[in-house]
Amino acid sequence: MNDHSFVVLAYKDSPFLSDCLESLMNQSSKSDVFICTSTPSTYITDMAAKFGVELFVTESGKGVVHDNNFGLRQVKTKYVTMAHQDDLYLPDYTATCIAAATKYKDTLICFTNYSELIDGQERPVTLMLKVKRLILKTCMPFKSHLSTRFWKSRLLSLGNPIAAPTIMYNLENLSGFQMPEDLAHNVNTIDWQIWCNMAKMEGRFFYARRVLLKRRIHSDSLSSIGIENHSRYTEDLNMFRQFWPGFLANILAKVYASAYTSNSDT
């Protein structure tokens, strides 16, 4: 029996779903893999059949948080990664994350470094990636994990350096974990707020510094849409205000907004 699951969150008919599933099948450490969707289609059914994975369907129109929680409720393993349908996981992703969680029994989440894909070409470094890696290096200069509430919160007070699709959750230490449904209106900062809530819990955040995910950036992604309509800036500003006085929050939000220009190629 496997200790880890990939829940692939499929939305409509992504042309990248097959590549994502193939990358999960090619992991050096095997996992349970299944697809969850609120937009069932012949295409998604065919992809599930092609790769021999189970397909779970939930009601449509409930939002991304609902869809994530539905996927989490299907998991039977100790560890889980909520895989984004457009992304590629490098072969050692699962093994690396499980090794970290095994070493530190109080691990809540293990997340990894990542690069970006634009039109099939890898971008290992962008302005936003530099900012996120700088935050991580500042808060974890000599080690790859944080266990105190203070340092986990400090990490998140400077921005959100944790990419959601890189995260492996340790459900044994996150008993009954579900994402708060009332965050569904803040599409671009749902993850950031969840990590802030999690930072208050007893347990460890572990960062694997290797690039173990290739994250696809394109014009239809939620991140790109948020940048285009400026909602991302407003939501980021509200997050920074949880940690900093108004003038500092404004400065940090503007720095973040400048770094988003790396998505302008999409």
Protein backbone atom coordinates (compact mmCIF):
# COMPACT_ATOMS: atom_id res chain seq x y z
CA MET A 1 0.00 0.00 0.00
CA ASN A 2 1.28 3.46 -0.93
CA ASP A 3 1.78 6.19 1.68
CA HIS A 4 1.16 9.07 -0.72
CA SER A 5 -1.58 10.21 -3.10
CA PHE A 6 -1.74 12.71 -5.94
CA VAL A 7 -5.14 14.33 -6.32
CA VAL A 8 -5.23 15.84 -9.81
CA LEU A 9 -7.68 18.74 -9.87
CA ALA A 10 -8.99 18.80 -13.45
CA TYR A 11 -10.93 21.82 -14.71
CA LYS A 12 -12.45 21.71 -18.19
CA ASP A 13 -10.32 20.18 -20.95
CA SER A 14 -6.74 21.20 -20.27
CA PRO A 15 -4.39 20.19 -23.10
CA PHE A 16 -1.70 19.68 -20.44
CA LEU A 17 -3.53 17.10 -18.33
CA SER A 18 -1.92 14.14 -20.09
CA ASP A 19 1.60 15.50 -19.48
CA CYS A 20 0.80 16.07 -15.81
CA LEU A 21 -0.52 12.54 -15.34
CA GLU A 22 2.48 11.06 -17.14
CA SER A 23 4.84 12.92 -14.79
CA LEU A 24 3.00 11.45 -11.79
CA MET A 25 3.22 7.95 -13.20
CA ASN A 26 6.97 8.37 -13.70
CA GLN A 27 7.78 9.14 -10.06
CA SER A 28 10.64 7.14 -8.54
CA SER A 29 8.40 6.46 -5.52
CA LYS A 30 4.91 5.24 -6.41
CA SER A 31 1.72 6.95 -5.28
CA ASP A 32 -2.02 6.51 -5.57
CA VAL A 33 -3.23 8.83 -8.34
CA PHE A 34 -6.77 9.94 -9.06
CA ILE A 35 -8.60 12.81 -10.74
CA CYS A 36 -11.24 15.06 -9.19
CA THR A 37 -13.34 17.40 -11.30
CA SER A 38 -16.44 19.57 -11.15
CA THR A 39 -16.49 19.89 -14.96
CA PRO A 40 -16.83 16.29 -16.20
CA SER A 41 -16.28 15.65 -19.88
CA THR A 42 -15.48 12.86 -22.30
CA TYR A 43 -11.93 14.21 -22.51
CA ILE A 44 -11.31 13.92 -18.74
CA THR A 45 -12.92 10.47 -18.66
CA ASP A 46 -10.68 9.37 -21.51
CA MET A 47 -7.58 10.69 -19.72
CA ALA A 48 -8.51 8.75 -16.58
CA ALA A 49 -8.96 5.59 -18.62
CA LYS A 50 -5.71 6.12 -20.52
CA PHE A 51 -3.65 6.28 -17.33
CA GLY A 52 -5.74 3.79 -15.36
CA VAL A 53 -6.68 6.22 -12.59
CA GLU A 54 -9.97 6.64 -10.76
CA LEU A 55 -12.16 9.65 -11.52
CA PHE A 56 -14.30 11.41 -8.89
CA VAL A 57 -16.91 13.99 -9.88
CA THR A 58 -18.34 16.69 -7.62
CA GLU A 59 -21.04 19.27 -8.24
CA SER A 60 -20.10 22.26 -10.36
CA GLY A 61 -20.08 25.95 -9.53
CA LYS A 62 -19.01 25.60 -5.89
CA GLY A 63 -15.56 27.12 -6.35
CA VAL A 64 -11.94 26.06 -6.08
CA VAL A 65 -11.99 25.61 -2.28
CA HIS A 66 -14.95 23.24 -2.49
CA ASP A 67 -13.24 21.26 -5.24
CA ASN A 68 -10.04 20.97 -3.18
CA ASN A 69 -11.94 19.81 -0.12
CA PHE A 70 -13.84 17.24 -2.17
CA GLY A 71 -10.50 15.89 -3.39
CA LEU A 72 -9.09 15.76 0.12
CA ARG A 73 -12.08 13.71 1.30
CA GLN A 74 -11.22 10.98 -1.21
CA VAL A 75 -7.68 10.50 0.14
CA LYS A 76 -6.89 7.31 2.06
CA THR A 77 -3.12 7.76 2.44
CA LYS A 78 -0.99 9.52 5.06
CA TYR A 79 0.43 12.06 2.60
CA VAL A 80 -1.21 13.93 -0.26
CA THR A 81 -0.30 16.43 -2.96
CA MET A 82 -3.06 18.44 -4.66
CA ALA A 83 -1.64 18.43 -8.18
CA HIS A 84 -2.51 21.17 -10.65
CA GLN A 85 -3.46 19.78 -14.04
CA ASP A 86 -1.04 21.97 -16.01
CA ASP A 87 2.13 21.26 -14.02
CA LEU A 88 4.93 18.71 -14.31
CA TYR A 89 6.38 16.88 -11.32
CA LEU A 90 10.01 15.78 -11.57
CA PRO A 91 10.68 12.07 -10.85
CA ASP A 92 12.10 12.56 -7.32
CA TYR A 93 9.34 14.85 -6.04
CA THR A 94 7.47 12.23 -4.01
CA ALA A 95 10.54 10.48 -2.63
CA THR A 96 12.11 13.77 -1.53
CA CYS A 97 8.99 14.97 0.29
CA ILE A 98 8.35 11.66 2.02
CA ALA A 99 11.99 11.46 3.15
CA ALA A 100 11.66 14.90 4.77
CA ALA A 101 8.39 14.04 6.51
CA THR A 102 9.86 10.76 7.74
CA LYS A 103 12.90 12.51 9.18
CA TYR A 104 10.84 15.16 11.00
CA LYS A 105 7.79 13.47 12.49
CA ASP A 106 6.05 16.77 13.27
CA THR A 107 6.06 17.92 9.63
CA LEU A 108 2.80 19.58 8.59
CA ILE A 109 3.77 20.34 5.01
CA CYS A 110 6.76 19.77 2.78
CA PHE A 111 7.09 22.09 -0.22
CA THR A 112 9.70 22.36 -2.94
CA ASN A 113 11.45 24.80 -5.20
CA TYR A 114 10.08 25.13 -8.73
CA SER A 115 10.69 26.61 -12.16
CA GLU A 116 8.19 27.92 -14.71
CA LEU A 117 7.09 26.80 -18.16
CA ILE A 118 6.09 29.32 -20.83
CA ASP A 119 5.02 27.95 -24.21
CA GLY A 120 6.82 24.71 -23.43
CA GLN A 121 10.10 26.45 -22.56
CA GLU A 122 11.46 26.35 -19.03
CA ARG A 123 12.17 29.62 -17.19
CA PRO A 124 14.33 28.61 -14.22
CA VAL A 125 14.59 32.19 -12.94
CA THR A 126 12.14 35.10 -13.02
CA LEU A 127 11.82 38.23 -10.95
CA MET A 128 9.00 36.70 -8.90
CA LEU A 129 10.95 33.49 -8.36
CA LYS A 130 13.94 35.56 -7.19
CA VAL A 131 11.72 37.38 -4.69
CA LYS A 132 10.22 34.14 -3.35
CA ARG A 133 13.60 32.42 -3.09
CA LEU A 134 15.02 35.46 -1.30
CA ILE A 135 12.20 35.29 1.28
CA LEU A 136 12.92 31.60 1.86
CA LYS A 137 16.66 32.16 2.13
CA THR A 138 16.16 35.06 4.54
CA CYS A 139 13.98 33.02 6.89
CA MET A 140 15.87 29.73 6.45
CA PRO A 141 19.51 30.67 5.83
CA PHE A 142 21.07 27.62 7.47
CA LYS A 143 18.35 24.98 7.57
CA SER A 144 15.41 23.83 5.49
CA HIS A 145 12.65 23.77 8.07
CA LEU A 146 10.77 26.00 10.50
CA SER A 147 8.99 24.72 13.58
CA THR A 148 8.09 27.75 15.70
CA ARG A 149 4.97 29.78 15.20
CA PHE A 150 7.03 32.99 15.15
CA TRP A 151 9.29 31.96 12.25
CA LYS A 152 6.53 30.34 10.22
CA SER A 153 4.57 33.58 10.48
CA ARG A 154 7.65 35.70 9.67
CA LEU A 155 8.14 33.66 6.51
CA LEU A 156 4.61 34.49 5.38
CA SER A 157 4.69 38.11 6.50
CA LEU A 158 7.03 38.97 3.61
CA GLY A 159 4.82 37.41 0.95
CA ASN A 160 3.74 33.95 -0.11
CA PRO A 161 6.87 32.05 -1.18
CA ILE A 162 5.12 28.65 -1.05
CA ALA A 163 3.71 27.40 -4.36
CA ALA A 164 0.53 25.41 -3.65
CA PRO A 165 1.11 22.61 -6.20
CA THR A 166 4.52 21.83 -4.67
CA ILE A 167 3.07 21.06 -1.24
CA MET A 168 2.80 17.59 0.23
CA TYR A 169 0.43 17.58 3.22
CA ASN A 170 1.00 15.26 6.16
CA LEU A 171 -2.61 14.38 6.94
CA GLU A 172 -1.59 12.44 10.03
CA ASN A 173 -0.54 15.75 11.61
CA LEU A 174 -3.38 17.68 9.94
CA SER A 175 -6.23 15.53 11.17
CA GLY A 176 -9.48 16.43 9.44
CA PHE A 177 -7.77 19.16 7.42
CA GLN A 178 -10.11 21.07 5.10
CA MET A 179 -9.70 24.44 3.44
CA PRO A 180 -12.02 27.16 4.85
CA GLU A 181 -14.94 27.68 2.46
CA ASP A 182 -15.22 31.36 3.40
CA LEU A 183 -11.93 32.03 1.58
CA ALA A 184 -13.43 31.14 -1.78
CA HIS A 185 -13.97 34.77 -2.81
CA ASN A 186 -10.25 35.60 -2.51
CA VAL A 187 -9.10 33.43 -5.41
CA ASN A 188 -5.52 34.69 -5.53
CA THR A 189 -4.75 34.60 -1.81
CA ILE A 190 -6.61 31.47 -0.66
CA ASP A 191 -3.39 29.52 -0.29
CA TRP A 192 -1.54 32.31 1.49
CA GLN A 193 -4.27 32.63 4.11
CA ILE A 194 -4.37 28.86 4.61
CA TRP A 195 -0.61 28.79 5.24
CA CYS A 196 -1.03 31.66 7.73
CA ASN A 197 -3.67 29.67 9.60
CA MET A 198 -1.47 26.59 9.50
CA ALA A 199 1.53 28.55 10.83
CA LYS A 200 -0.31 28.85 14.14
CA MET A 201 -0.43 25.07 14.54
CA GLU A 202 2.17 22.92 16.26
CA GLY A 203 4.39 21.38 13.63
CA ARG A 204 7.02 21.98 10.99
CA PHE A 205 7.20 23.52 7.52
CA PHE A 206 9.92 21.79 5.45
CA TYR A 207 11.39 23.31 2.29
CA ALA A 208 13.12 21.07 -0.28
CA ARG A 209 15.45 23.46 -2.09
CA ARG A 210 15.67 21.37 -5.26
CA VAL A 211 13.49 22.30 -8.24
CA LEU A 212 11.02 19.41 -8.29
CA LEU A 213 8.12 21.00 -10.14
CA LYS A 214 7.72 22.82 -13.43
CA ARG A 215 4.81 25.20 -13.05
CA ARG A 216 3.04 26.17 -16.25
CA ILE A 217 2.18 29.84 -16.69
CA HIS A 218 -0.41 30.76 -19.32
CA SER A 219 -3.07 33.36 -19.96
CA ASP A 220 -5.94 31.22 -18.63
CA SER A 221 -4.35 30.50 -15.25
CA LEU A 222 -5.95 32.08 -12.18
CA SER A 223 -2.70 33.85 -11.32
CA SER A 224 -2.46 35.50 -14.73
CA ILE A 225 -6.13 36.54 -14.65
CA GLY A 226 -5.66 38.10 -11.21
CA ILE A 227 -2.66 40.09 -12.40
CA GLU A 228 -4.49 41.27 -15.52
CA ASN A 229 -7.55 42.60 -13.66
CA HIS A 230 -5.48 43.98 -10.72
CA SER A 231 -7.37 41.96 -8.11
CA ARG A 232 -4.09 40.31 -7.12
CA TYR A 233 -2.64 43.60 -5.85
CA THR A 234 -5.69 44.38 -3.72
CA GLU A 235 -5.77 40.91 -2.20
CA ASP A 236 -2.01 40.94 -1.53
CA LEU A 237 -2.33 44.32 0.19
CA ASN A 238 -5.02 42.95 2.48
CA MET A 239 -2.76 40.04 3.39
CA PHE A 240 0.22 42.27 4.17
CA ARG A 241 -2.00 44.39 6.42
CA GLN A 242 -2.37 41.36 8.70
CA PHE A 243 1.32 41.69 9.56
CA TRP A 244 2.42 45.28 8.96
CA PRO A 245 1.29 48.89 9.47
CA GLY A 246 -0.43 50.49 6.49
CA PHE A 247 2.56 52.24 4.93
CA LEU A 248 4.77 49.13 5.11
CA ALA A 249 1.98 46.94 3.76
CA ASN A 250 1.64 49.30 0.80
CA ILE A 251 5.37 49.16 0.07
CA LEU A 252 5.46 45.36 0.20
CA ALA A 253 2.37 45.05 -2.01
CA LYS A 254 3.94 47.37 -4.60
CA VAL A 255 7.18 45.37 -4.59
CA TYR A 256 5.16 42.22 -5.15
CA ALA A 257 3.17 43.89 -7.94
CA SER A 258 6.41 44.84 -9.68
CA ALA A 259 7.61 41.25 -9.51
CA TYR A 260 4.40 40.07 -11.23
CA THR A 261 5.66 41.61 -14.46
CA SER A 262 7.46 38.29 -15.03
CA ASN A 263 4.05 36.90 -16.01
CA SER A 264 3.66 39.46 -18.79
CA ASP A 265 4.93 36.97 -21.36
CA THR A 266 1.81 34.85 -21.03
